[in-house]
Amino acid sequence: MDAESSHQVNAGNGSVQSQHHSSGRSRRGPDFFLITCRVFAVITALSAIFCIAFNVISAIQSFRNGTDIFDGIFRCYAVIVGIIVVIAETEWQYFLSFSKVLQYWVGRGMLQIFVAVMTRAYPEHLRNHQELFLLQSIAAYLLLGCGAIYVIAGIFCLGMLKRRHQKTHISRDQAIKDLENLQRQREELEARLLDDQA
């Protein structure tokens, strides 16, 4: 009877180990599409942050010189919209729940193009600073390109594909966690069974 029970325990341990190996294999499968989307989101967020910085500089110069108050107000709006772009790229669900438009890539891309155009418009304040003017142009055109890619990708429904991949990834991770919890409970029960037999 003891030999039979020990054989069952060994068989159970073998199945647990095989399940551990299978779960390890499932963990080793990165989703390159989601990784690409995350990298692109980081590039877009950095471009928006640079645009925000240049709009802040232009707004300060406008209000300090008092030459064009309307340009300063215009830059403040660009800063606010740029912050919205950065937050949208973080995929903060609480924020996105209040703005359904930003959940779709076409709407997000249009907003990025709007910020890029606002950043590039009226560059007179930085004409005397060629380095800042060059960086401003690079940031604006980079965000403009990201916005165009978002719009094109949204037209081809890549945003829906990303959300589908995210749901699959989340459900797979949850299934792995549930399997590990079951394996842990099984090992505890087997340990108790061995203690009772001893």
N, C-alpha and C. Protein backbone atom coordinates (compact mmCIF):
# COMPACT_ATOMS: atom_id res chain seq x y z
N MET A 1 0.83 -1.20 0.00
CA MET A 1 0.00 0.00 0.00
C MET A 1 0.87 1.26 0.00
N ASP A 2 1.97 1.22 0.83
CA ASP A 2 2.87 2.37 0.86
C ASP A 2 3.59 2.55 -0.47
N ALA A 3 3.98 1.43 -1.09
CA ALA A 3 4.65 1.53 -2.39
C ALA A 3 3.74 2.13 -3.43
N GLU A 4 2.45 1.73 -3.37
CA GLU A 4 1.50 2.27 -4.36
C GLU A 4 1.30 3.76 -4.15
N SER A 5 1.18 4.19 -2.89
CA SER A 5 0.97 5.62 -2.63
C SER A 5 2.20 6.43 -3.02
N SER A 6 3.40 5.86 -2.72
CA SER A 6 4.61 6.59 -3.12
C SER A 6 4.72 6.68 -4.63
N HIS A 7 4.27 5.62 -5.32
CA HIS A 7 4.28 5.67 -6.79
C HIS A 7 3.34 6.75 -7.30
N GLN A 8 2.18 6.92 -6.63
CA GLN A 8 1.24 7.96 -7.05
C GLN A 8 1.83 9.34 -6.80
N VAL A 9 2.54 9.47 -5.63
CA VAL A 9 3.13 10.76 -5.33
C VAL A 9 4.20 11.12 -6.36
N ASN A 10 5.04 10.11 -6.72
CA ASN A 10 6.08 10.36 -7.72
C ASN A 10 5.47 10.72 -9.06
N ALA A 11 4.39 10.00 -9.40
CA ALA A 11 3.72 10.32 -10.67
C ALA A 11 3.14 11.73 -10.63
N GLY A 12 2.59 12.10 -9.44
CA GLY A 12 2.06 13.46 -9.31
C GLY A 12 3.15 14.49 -9.43
N ASN A 13 4.32 14.21 -8.80
CA ASN A 13 5.44 15.15 -8.92
C ASN A 13 5.91 15.28 -10.35
N GLY A 14 5.90 14.14 -11.08
CA GLY A 14 6.30 14.20 -12.49
C GLY A 14 5.35 15.05 -13.30
N SER A 15 4.06 14.93 -13.01
CA SER A 15 3.10 15.74 -13.75
C SER A 15 3.23 17.20 -13.40
N VAL A 16 3.52 17.49 -12.09
CA VAL A 16 3.72 18.88 -11.69
C VAL A 16 4.92 19.49 -12.40
N GLN A 17 6.04 18.68 -12.47
CA GLN A 17 7.22 19.19 -13.15
C GLN A 17 6.97 19.43 -14.63
N SER A 18 6.23 18.51 -15.25
CA SER A 18 5.92 18.72 -16.67
C SER A 18 5.05 19.94 -16.86
N GLN A 19 4.13 20.19 -15.89
CA GLN A 19 3.30 21.38 -15.99
C GLN A 19 4.14 22.63 -15.78
N HIS A 20 5.14 22.54 -14.87
CA HIS A 20 6.04 23.68 -14.69
C HIS A 20 6.79 23.97 -15.98
N HIS A 21 7.27 22.92 -16.65
CA HIS A 21 7.99 23.12 -17.92
C HIS A 21 7.08 23.73 -18.97
N SER A 22 5.84 23.26 -19.03
CA SER A 22 4.91 23.79 -20.04
C SER A 22 4.57 25.24 -19.75
N SER A 23 4.39 25.58 -18.44
CA SER A 23 4.12 26.97 -18.11
C SER A 23 5.32 27.84 -18.41
N GLY A 24 6.54 27.28 -18.20
CA GLY A 24 7.73 28.04 -18.54
C GLY A 24 7.83 28.30 -20.02
N ARG A 25 7.44 27.30 -20.82
CA ARG A 25 7.45 27.51 -22.28
C ARG A 25 6.46 28.58 -22.68
N SER A 26 5.27 28.60 -22.02
CA SER A 26 4.28 29.60 -22.38
C SER A 26 4.73 31.00 -21.98
N ARG A 27 5.56 31.09 -20.89
CA ARG A 27 6.07 32.39 -20.50
C ARG A 27 7.13 32.90 -21.47
N ARG A 28 7.83 32.02 -22.14
CA ARG A 28 8.94 32.43 -22.99
C ARG A 28 8.51 32.88 -24.39
N GLY A 29 7.24 33.13 -24.56
CA GLY A 29 6.76 33.56 -25.87
C GLY A 29 6.36 35.02 -25.88
N PRO A 30 7.31 35.96 -26.04
CA PRO A 30 6.96 37.38 -26.05
C PRO A 30 6.15 37.74 -27.28
N ASP A 31 5.25 38.67 -27.10
CA ASP A 31 4.42 39.16 -28.20
C ASP A 31 5.15 40.34 -28.83
N PHE A 32 5.78 40.11 -29.99
CA PHE A 32 6.58 41.15 -30.63
C PHE A 32 5.71 42.30 -31.13
N PHE A 33 4.46 42.02 -31.43
CA PHE A 33 3.57 43.10 -31.86
C PHE A 33 3.32 44.08 -30.72
N LEU A 34 3.07 43.56 -29.50
CA LEU A 34 2.87 44.43 -28.36
C LEU A 34 4.16 45.17 -27.99
N ILE A 35 5.30 44.48 -28.12
CA ILE A 35 6.58 45.14 -27.84
C ILE A 35 6.82 46.30 -28.80
N THR A 36 6.51 46.08 -30.08
CA THR A 36 6.65 47.15 -31.07
C THR A 36 5.73 48.32 -30.76
N CYS A 37 4.52 48.02 -30.33
CA CYS A 37 3.57 49.08 -29.97
C CYS A 37 4.07 49.87 -28.76
N ARG A 38 4.66 49.18 -27.79
CA ARG A 38 5.18 49.88 -26.60
C ARG A 38 6.35 50.79 -26.98
N VAL A 39 7.25 50.29 -27.82
CA VAL A 39 8.39 51.11 -28.25
C VAL A 39 7.90 52.34 -29.01
N PHE A 40 6.93 52.15 -29.88
CA PHE A 40 6.40 53.27 -30.65
C PHE A 40 5.69 54.27 -29.73
N ALA A 41 5.01 53.77 -28.70
CA ALA A 41 4.35 54.66 -27.73
C ALA A 41 5.38 55.49 -26.96
N VAL A 42 6.51 54.87 -26.62
CA VAL A 42 7.57 55.61 -25.92
C VAL A 42 8.13 56.71 -26.81
N ILE A 43 8.37 56.40 -28.08
CA ILE A 43 8.89 57.41 -29.02
C ILE A 43 7.90 58.56 -29.17
N THR A 44 6.61 58.22 -29.27
CA THR A 44 5.59 59.25 -29.41
C THR A 44 5.50 60.12 -28.16
N ALA A 45 5.56 59.50 -26.99
CA ALA A 45 5.49 60.26 -25.74
C ALA A 45 6.69 61.19 -25.59
N LEU A 46 7.89 60.70 -25.93
CA LEU A 46 9.08 61.55 -25.85
C LEU A 46 8.99 62.73 -26.82
N SER A 47 8.49 62.47 -28.02
CA SER A 47 8.31 63.57 -28.98
C SER A 47 7.33 64.60 -28.46
N ALA A 48 6.25 64.14 -27.85
CA ALA A 48 5.26 65.07 -27.29
C ALA A 48 5.86 65.85 -26.12
N ILE A 49 6.69 65.20 -25.30
CA ILE A 49 7.32 65.91 -24.18
C ILE A 49 8.25 67.01 -24.68
N PHE A 50 9.02 66.73 -25.72
CA PHE A 50 9.89 67.76 -26.30
C PHE A 50 9.07 68.91 -26.87
N CYS A 51 7.95 68.58 -27.51
CA CYS A 51 7.08 69.63 -28.03
C CYS A 51 6.51 70.48 -26.90
N ILE A 52 6.15 69.84 -25.80
CA ILE A 52 5.65 70.58 -24.63
C ILE A 52 6.72 71.54 -24.12
N ALA A 53 7.97 71.05 -24.03
CA ALA A 53 9.06 71.89 -23.53
C ALA A 53 9.26 73.12 -24.41
N PHE A 54 9.26 72.93 -25.72
CA PHE A 54 9.47 74.07 -26.61
C PHE A 54 8.30 75.04 -26.57
N ASN A 55 7.08 74.53 -26.40
CA ASN A 55 5.93 75.42 -26.27
C ASN A 55 5.97 76.21 -24.97
N VAL A 56 6.48 75.58 -23.90
CA VAL A 56 6.64 76.30 -22.63
C VAL A 56 7.65 77.44 -22.80
N ILE A 57 8.77 77.15 -23.47
CA ILE A 57 9.79 78.19 -23.71
C ILE A 57 9.21 79.33 -24.52
N SER A 58 8.47 79.01 -25.57
CA SER A 58 7.88 80.06 -26.42
C SER A 58 6.84 80.87 -25.66
N ALA A 59 6.04 80.18 -24.81
CA ALA A 59 5.03 80.90 -24.03
C ALA A 59 5.68 81.86 -23.04
N ILE A 60 6.74 81.42 -22.37
CA ILE A 60 7.43 82.29 -21.42
C ILE A 60 7.99 83.52 -22.11
N GLN A 61 8.59 83.33 -23.28
CA GLN A 61 9.15 84.46 -24.02
C GLN A 61 8.05 85.41 -24.49
N SER A 62 6.91 84.87 -24.87
CA SER A 62 5.80 85.72 -25.34
C SER A 62 5.26 86.58 -24.20
N PHE A 63 5.05 85.97 -23.03
CA PHE A 63 4.51 86.73 -21.90
C PHE A 63 5.56 87.68 -21.32
N ARG A 64 6.84 87.27 -21.37
CA ARG A 64 7.89 88.12 -20.80
C ARG A 64 8.09 89.37 -21.64
N ASN A 65 8.14 89.20 -22.95
CA ASN A 65 8.35 90.36 -23.83
C ASN A 65 7.09 91.20 -23.98
N GLY A 66 5.94 90.59 -23.82
CA GLY A 66 4.68 91.30 -23.97
C GLY A 66 4.38 91.69 -25.40
N THR A 67 5.08 91.09 -26.33
CA THR A 67 4.89 91.44 -27.74
C THR A 67 3.65 90.77 -28.33
N ASP A 68 3.39 89.54 -27.92
CA ASP A 68 2.26 88.81 -28.51
C ASP A 68 1.63 87.94 -27.44
N ILE A 69 0.63 88.48 -26.76
CA ILE A 69 -0.04 87.73 -25.69
C ILE A 69 -0.82 86.56 -26.28
N PHE A 70 -1.38 86.76 -27.47
CA PHE A 70 -2.16 85.69 -28.09
C PHE A 70 -1.29 84.49 -28.43
N ASP A 71 -0.05 84.75 -28.82
CA ASP A 71 0.85 83.64 -29.08
C ASP A 71 1.15 82.86 -27.80
N GLY A 72 1.29 83.57 -26.67
CA GLY A 72 1.49 82.91 -25.40
C GLY A 72 0.31 82.04 -25.01
N ILE A 73 -0.89 82.55 -25.22
CA ILE A 73 -2.10 81.75 -24.94
C ILE A 73 -2.16 80.54 -25.86
N PHE A 74 -1.80 80.76 -27.12
CA PHE A 74 -1.76 79.67 -28.09
C PHE A 74 -0.81 78.57 -27.63
N ARG A 75 0.36 78.96 -27.11
CA ARG A 75 1.34 77.98 -26.62
C ARG A 75 0.83 77.25 -25.38
N CYS A 76 0.10 77.94 -24.55
CA CYS A 76 -0.47 77.28 -23.36
C CYS A 76 -1.45 76.18 -23.76
N TYR A 77 -2.26 76.45 -24.75
CA TYR A 77 -3.17 75.42 -25.26
C TYR A 77 -2.37 74.24 -25.83
N ALA A 78 -1.27 74.55 -26.52
CA ALA A 78 -0.45 73.48 -27.07
C ALA A 78 0.15 72.62 -25.96
N VAL A 79 0.53 73.24 -24.85
CA VAL A 79 1.06 72.49 -23.71
C VAL A 79 0.00 71.57 -23.12
N ILE A 80 -1.21 72.08 -22.96
CA ILE A 80 -2.29 71.28 -22.38
C ILE A 80 -2.61 70.08 -23.26
N VAL A 81 -2.73 70.32 -24.57
CA VAL A 81 -3.04 69.22 -25.50
C VAL A 81 -1.88 68.24 -25.55
N GLY A 82 -0.65 68.75 -25.46
CA GLY A 82 0.51 67.86 -25.46
C GLY A 82 0.53 66.95 -24.23
N ILE A 83 0.14 67.49 -23.08
CA ILE A 83 0.05 66.65 -21.87
C ILE A 83 -0.98 65.56 -22.05
N ILE A 84 -2.09 65.89 -22.69
CA ILE A 84 -3.11 64.87 -22.97
C ILE A 84 -2.55 63.77 -23.86
N VAL A 85 -1.73 64.16 -24.84
CA VAL A 85 -1.11 63.17 -25.73
C VAL A 85 -0.20 62.24 -24.95
N VAL A 86 0.60 62.80 -24.05
CA VAL A 86 1.52 61.97 -23.26
C VAL A 86 0.76 61.01 -22.36
N ILE A 87 -0.29 61.50 -21.70
CA ILE A 87 -1.07 60.63 -20.82
C ILE A 87 -1.75 59.52 -21.62
N ALA A 88 -2.23 59.87 -22.81
CA ALA A 88 -2.88 58.85 -23.64
C ALA A 88 -1.91 57.74 -24.03
N GLU A 89 -0.64 58.08 -24.22
CA GLU A 89 0.36 57.07 -24.60
C GLU A 89 0.71 56.13 -23.44
N THR A 90 0.40 56.53 -22.21
CA THR A 90 0.62 55.64 -21.07
C THR A 90 -0.45 54.57 -20.95
N GLU A 91 -1.51 54.67 -21.75
CA GLU A 91 -2.61 53.71 -21.72
C GLU A 91 -3.27 53.64 -20.34
N TRP A 92 -3.36 54.80 -19.68
CA TRP A 92 -4.01 54.87 -18.37
C TRP A 92 -5.51 54.71 -18.57
N GLN A 93 -6.04 53.57 -18.14
CA GLN A 93 -7.43 53.24 -18.43
C GLN A 93 -8.40 54.21 -17.76
N TYR A 94 -8.06 54.70 -16.58
CA TYR A 94 -8.94 55.65 -15.90
C TYR A 94 -9.11 56.92 -16.72
N PHE A 95 -8.00 57.37 -17.32
CA PHE A 95 -8.06 58.57 -18.17
C PHE A 95 -8.77 58.28 -19.48
N LEU A 96 -8.46 57.14 -20.09
CA LEU A 96 -9.07 56.80 -21.37
C LEU A 96 -10.56 56.55 -21.25
N SER A 97 -11.02 56.18 -20.06
CA SER A 97 -12.46 55.95 -19.89
C SER A 97 -13.26 57.23 -20.03
N PHE A 98 -12.61 58.38 -19.81
CA PHE A 98 -13.30 59.67 -19.95
C PHE A 98 -13.18 60.23 -21.37
N SER A 99 -12.34 59.62 -22.18
CA SER A 99 -12.15 60.09 -23.55
C SER A 99 -12.13 58.89 -24.49
N LYS A 100 -13.28 58.54 -24.99
CA LYS A 100 -13.38 57.38 -25.87
C LYS A 100 -12.63 57.61 -27.18
N VAL A 101 -12.49 58.87 -27.60
CA VAL A 101 -11.83 59.16 -28.87
C VAL A 101 -10.37 58.71 -28.83
N LEU A 102 -9.71 58.92 -27.69
CA LEU A 102 -8.29 58.58 -27.58
C LEU A 102 -8.05 57.08 -27.52
N GLN A 103 -9.11 56.29 -27.33
CA GLN A 103 -8.94 54.84 -27.36
C GLN A 103 -8.74 54.33 -28.78
N TYR A 104 -9.11 55.15 -29.76
CA TYR A 104 -8.96 54.77 -31.17
C TYR A 104 -7.74 55.49 -31.74
N TRP A 105 -6.98 54.77 -32.52
CA TRP A 105 -5.71 55.29 -33.03
C TRP A 105 -5.90 56.46 -33.98
N VAL A 106 -6.98 56.51 -34.71
CA VAL A 106 -7.20 57.63 -35.64
C VAL A 106 -7.36 58.93 -34.85
N GLY A 107 -8.18 58.89 -33.80
CA GLY A 107 -8.36 60.08 -32.98
C GLY A 107 -7.08 60.49 -32.27
N ARG A 108 -6.33 59.51 -31.78
CA ARG A 108 -5.07 59.80 -31.11
C ARG A 108 -4.06 60.40 -32.09
N GLY A 109 -4.01 59.87 -33.31
CA GLY A 109 -3.09 60.39 -34.31
C GLY A 109 -3.43 61.81 -34.73
N MET A 110 -4.74 62.11 -34.87
CA MET A 110 -5.15 63.48 -35.22
C MET A 110 -4.74 64.46 -34.14
N LEU A 111 -4.86 64.06 -32.89
CA LEU A 111 -4.46 64.94 -31.80
C LEU A 111 -2.95 65.17 -31.80
N GLN A 112 -2.18 64.16 -32.11
CA GLN A 112 -0.73 64.31 -32.18
C GLN A 112 -0.33 65.23 -33.33
N ILE A 113 -0.99 65.10 -34.46
CA ILE A 113 -0.72 65.99 -35.59
C ILE A 113 -1.05 67.43 -35.23
N PHE A 114 -2.13 67.61 -34.47
CA PHE A 114 -2.54 68.96 -34.04
C PHE A 114 -1.47 69.59 -33.15
N VAL A 115 -0.93 68.80 -32.21
CA VAL A 115 0.13 69.31 -31.34
C VAL A 115 1.39 69.63 -32.14
N ALA A 116 1.73 68.78 -33.10
CA ALA A 116 2.91 69.02 -33.92
C ALA A 116 2.78 70.31 -34.72
N VAL A 117 1.60 70.54 -35.29
CA VAL A 117 1.38 71.76 -36.07
C VAL A 117 1.43 72.99 -35.17
N MET A 118 0.84 72.89 -33.98
CA MET A 118 0.87 74.02 -33.04
C MET A 118 2.30 74.31 -32.59
N THR A 119 3.11 73.27 -32.44
CA THR A 119 4.50 73.47 -32.02
C THR A 119 5.31 74.14 -33.13
N ARG A 120 5.07 73.75 -34.34
CA ARG A 120 5.85 74.27 -35.48
C ARG A 120 5.37 75.65 -35.91
N ALA A 121 4.16 76.03 -35.57
CA ALA A 121 3.62 77.31 -36.00
C ALA A 121 4.28 78.47 -35.25
N TYR A 122 4.43 79.57 -35.91
CA TYR A 122 4.97 80.82 -35.36
C TYR A 122 6.30 80.60 -34.64
N PRO A 123 7.34 80.19 -35.36
CA PRO A 123 8.62 79.89 -34.69
C PRO A 123 9.54 81.11 -34.54
N GLU A 124 8.97 82.34 -34.54
CA GLU A 124 9.82 83.53 -34.54
C GLU A 124 10.66 83.65 -33.28
N HIS A 125 10.13 83.15 -32.14
CA HIS A 125 10.84 83.34 -30.88
C HIS A 125 12.15 82.56 -30.83
N LEU A 126 12.24 81.50 -31.61
CA LEU A 126 13.45 80.68 -31.58
C LEU A 126 14.33 80.88 -32.81
N ARG A 127 14.03 81.89 -33.63
CA ARG A 127 14.83 82.11 -34.83
C ARG A 127 16.27 82.48 -34.47
N ASN A 128 16.43 83.20 -33.36
CA ASN A 128 17.76 83.63 -32.96
C ASN A 128 18.56 82.53 -32.28
N HIS A 129 17.91 81.43 -31.95
CA HIS A 129 18.57 80.29 -31.32
C HIS A 129 18.46 79.10 -32.27
N GLN A 130 19.46 78.95 -33.12
CA GLN A 130 19.39 77.95 -34.17
C GLN A 130 19.32 76.53 -33.63
N GLU A 131 20.02 76.27 -32.51
CA GLU A 131 19.99 74.92 -31.95
C GLU A 131 18.60 74.56 -31.46
N LEU A 132 17.98 75.49 -30.70
CA LEU A 132 16.63 75.24 -30.20
C LEU A 132 15.62 75.15 -31.34
N PHE A 133 15.82 76.00 -32.35
CA PHE A 133 14.91 75.96 -33.50
C PHE A 133 15.01 74.62 -34.22
N LEU A 134 16.25 74.11 -34.35
CA LEU A 134 16.42 72.81 -35.02
C LEU A 134 15.78 71.68 -34.20
N LEU A 135 15.99 71.71 -32.89
CA LEU A 135 15.39 70.69 -32.04
C LEU A 135 13.87 70.77 -32.04
N GLN A 136 13.36 72.00 -32.06
CA GLN A 136 11.91 72.18 -32.13
C GLN A 136 11.35 71.59 -33.42
N SER A 137 12.02 71.83 -34.52
CA SER A 137 11.56 71.30 -35.80
C SER A 137 11.62 69.77 -35.81
N ILE A 138 12.70 69.21 -35.25
CA ILE A 138 12.82 67.75 -35.21
C ILE A 138 11.70 67.14 -34.38
N ALA A 139 11.44 67.72 -33.20
CA ALA A 139 10.39 67.20 -32.33
C ALA A 139 9.02 67.32 -33.00
N ALA A 140 8.76 68.46 -33.65
CA ALA A 140 7.47 68.66 -34.29
C ALA A 140 7.25 67.69 -35.44
N TYR A 141 8.26 67.53 -36.28
CA TYR A 141 8.12 66.62 -37.42
C TYR A 141 8.08 65.16 -36.98
N LEU A 142 8.81 64.85 -35.91
CA LEU A 142 8.76 63.48 -35.40
C LEU A 142 7.37 63.15 -34.86
N LEU A 143 6.79 64.08 -34.09
CA LEU A 143 5.44 63.85 -33.59
C LEU A 143 4.43 63.85 -34.73
N LEU A 144 4.67 64.67 -35.75
CA LEU A 144 3.80 64.66 -36.93
C LEU A 144 3.84 63.31 -37.63
N GLY A 145 5.05 62.74 -37.75
CA GLY A 145 5.16 61.41 -38.36
C GLY A 145 4.48 60.34 -37.52
N CYS A 146 4.64 60.42 -36.19
CA CYS A 146 3.97 59.44 -35.32
C CYS A 146 2.45 59.54 -35.44
N GLY A 147 1.97 60.77 -35.51
CA GLY A 147 0.53 60.94 -35.67
C GLY A 147 0.02 60.39 -36.99
N ALA A 148 0.79 60.60 -38.07
CA ALA A 148 0.39 60.06 -39.37
C ALA A 148 0.37 58.54 -39.35
N ILE A 149 1.38 57.94 -38.68
CA ILE A 149 1.41 56.48 -38.57
C ILE A 149 0.22 55.97 -37.77
N TYR A 150 -0.12 56.68 -36.71
CA TYR A 150 -1.29 56.30 -35.92
C TYR A 150 -2.57 56.33 -36.75
N VAL A 151 -2.71 57.38 -37.55
CA VAL A 151 -3.93 57.51 -38.37
C VAL A 151 -4.00 56.38 -39.39
N ILE A 152 -2.89 56.12 -40.08
CA ILE A 152 -2.87 55.06 -41.09
C ILE A 152 -3.10 53.69 -40.45
N ALA A 153 -2.43 53.45 -39.31
CA ALA A 153 -2.61 52.17 -38.62
C ALA A 153 -4.03 52.01 -38.09
N GLY A 154 -4.61 53.13 -37.65
CA GLY A 154 -6.00 53.06 -37.18
C GLY A 154 -6.97 52.76 -38.31
N ILE A 155 -6.70 53.29 -39.49
CA ILE A 155 -7.56 52.99 -40.64
C ILE A 155 -7.52 51.50 -40.97
N PHE A 156 -6.35 50.89 -40.80
CA PHE A 156 -6.21 49.45 -41.06
C PHE A 156 -6.54 48.59 -39.83
N CYS A 157 -7.16 49.22 -38.82
CA CYS A 157 -7.68 48.50 -37.64
C CYS A 157 -6.58 47.82 -36.83
N LEU A 158 -5.37 48.37 -36.84
CA LEU A 158 -4.31 47.80 -36.02
C LEU A 158 -4.53 48.08 -34.54
N GLY A 159 -5.29 49.12 -34.24
CA GLY A 159 -5.62 49.38 -32.84
C GLY A 159 -6.49 48.28 -32.25
N MET A 160 -7.45 47.81 -33.01
CA MET A 160 -8.28 46.70 -32.55
C MET A 160 -7.45 45.43 -32.40
N LEU A 161 -6.48 45.24 -33.32
CA LEU A 161 -5.59 44.08 -33.21
C LEU A 161 -4.74 44.15 -31.95
N LYS A 162 -4.28 45.35 -31.60
CA LYS A 162 -3.49 45.51 -30.38
C LYS A 162 -4.33 45.18 -29.14
N ARG A 163 -5.56 45.68 -29.09
CA ARG A 163 -6.42 45.39 -27.94
C ARG A 163 -6.70 43.90 -27.84
N ARG A 164 -6.84 43.23 -28.96
CA ARG A 164 -7.06 41.79 -28.95
C ARG A 164 -5.83 41.06 -28.41
N HIS A 165 -4.64 41.50 -28.82
CA HIS A 165 -3.41 40.90 -28.31
C HIS A 165 -3.26 41.14 -26.81
N GLN A 166 -3.64 42.34 -26.36
CA GLN A 166 -3.55 42.64 -24.93
C GLN A 166 -4.48 41.75 -24.12
N LYS A 167 -5.70 41.53 -24.61
CA LYS A 167 -6.63 40.66 -23.89
C LYS A 167 -6.10 39.24 -23.85
N THR A 168 -5.55 38.77 -24.97
CA THR A 168 -4.98 37.42 -24.99
C THR A 168 -3.81 37.29 -24.03
N HIS A 169 -2.96 38.32 -24.00
CA HIS A 169 -1.79 38.30 -23.11
C HIS A 169 -2.22 38.29 -21.64
N ILE A 170 -3.23 39.12 -21.32
CA ILE A 170 -3.70 39.18 -19.93
C ILE A 170 -4.35 37.88 -19.51
N SER A 171 -5.19 37.31 -20.39
CA SER A 171 -5.84 36.05 -20.06
C SER A 171 -4.83 34.92 -19.93
N ARG A 172 -3.77 34.92 -20.75
CA ARG A 172 -2.73 33.90 -20.66
C ARG A 172 -1.96 34.01 -19.35
N ASP A 173 -1.62 35.26 -18.96
CA ASP A 173 -0.92 35.45 -17.69
C ASP A 173 -1.79 35.03 -16.51
N GLN A 174 -3.09 35.34 -16.59
CA GLN A 174 -3.98 34.93 -15.51
C GLN A 174 -4.10 33.42 -15.43
N ALA A 175 -4.14 32.76 -16.59
CA ALA A 175 -4.21 31.30 -16.60
C ALA A 175 -2.94 30.68 -16.01
N ILE A 176 -1.78 31.28 -16.29
CA ILE A 176 -0.53 30.77 -15.74
C ILE A 176 -0.50 30.95 -14.22
N LYS A 177 -0.99 32.09 -13.74
CA LYS A 177 -1.04 32.31 -12.29
C LYS A 177 -1.98 31.32 -11.62
N ASP A 178 -3.14 31.08 -12.23
CA ASP A 178 -4.07 30.10 -11.67
C ASP A 178 -3.46 28.71 -11.64
N LEU A 179 -2.73 28.36 -12.71
CA LEU A 179 -2.09 27.04 -12.76
C LEU A 179 -1.02 26.92 -11.68
N GLU A 180 -0.26 27.98 -11.47
CA GLU A 180 0.77 27.93 -10.43
C GLU A 180 0.16 27.81 -9.04
N ASN A 181 -0.98 28.50 -8.81
CA ASN A 181 -1.66 28.37 -7.52
C ASN A 181 -2.16 26.95 -7.30
N LEU A 182 -2.70 26.34 -8.36
CA LEU A 182 -3.16 24.95 -8.25
C LEU A 182 -1.99 24.01 -7.99
N GLN A 183 -0.88 24.26 -8.65
CA GLN A 183 0.30 23.41 -8.43
C GLN A 183 0.82 23.55 -7.00
N ARG A 184 0.79 24.78 -6.46
CA ARG A 184 1.25 25.00 -5.10
C ARG A 184 0.33 24.29 -4.10
N GLN A 185 -0.97 24.37 -4.31
CA GLN A 185 -1.90 23.68 -3.43
C GLN A 185 -1.73 22.17 -3.52
N ARG A 186 -1.46 21.69 -4.73
CA ARG A 186 -1.27 20.25 -4.89
C ARG A 186 -0.01 19.77 -4.17
N GLU A 187 1.06 20.55 -4.25
CA GLU A 187 2.29 20.18 -3.54
C GLU A 187 2.08 20.18 -2.04
N GLU A 188 1.30 21.15 -1.53
CA GLU A 188 1.02 21.19 -0.09
C GLU A 188 0.22 19.96 0.34
N LEU A 189 -0.77 19.57 -0.49
CA LEU A 189 -1.56 18.38 -0.16
C LEU A 189 -0.71 17.12 -0.20
N GLU A 190 0.19 17.02 -1.16
CA GLU A 190 1.07 15.85 -1.24
C GLU A 190 2.01 15.79 -0.07
N ALA A 191 2.52 16.97 0.40
CA ALA A 191 3.39 17.00 1.56
C ALA A 191 2.64 16.56 2.82
N ARG A 192 1.39 16.99 2.95
CA ARG A 192 0.59 16.56 4.10
C ARG A 192 0.33 15.06 4.04
N LEU A 193 0.09 14.52 2.83
CA LEU A 193 -0.14 13.09 2.69
C LEU A 193 1.10 12.28 3.08
N LEU A 194 2.26 12.77 2.72
CA LEU A 194 3.50 12.09 3.13
C LEU A 194 3.71 12.15 4.63
N ASP A 195 3.36 13.31 5.24
CA ASP A 195 3.49 13.41 6.69
C ASP A 195 2.54 12.46 7.41
N ASP A 196 1.31 12.34 6.87
CA ASP A 196 0.35 11.42 7.49
C ASP A 196 0.80 9.97 7.37
N GLN A 197 1.38 9.62 6.22
CA GLN A 197 1.87 8.25 6.04
C GLN A 197 3.08 7.95 6.90
N ALA A 198 3.90 8.98 7.15
CA ALA A 198 5.06 8.76 7.99
C ALA A 198 4.63 8.57 9.44
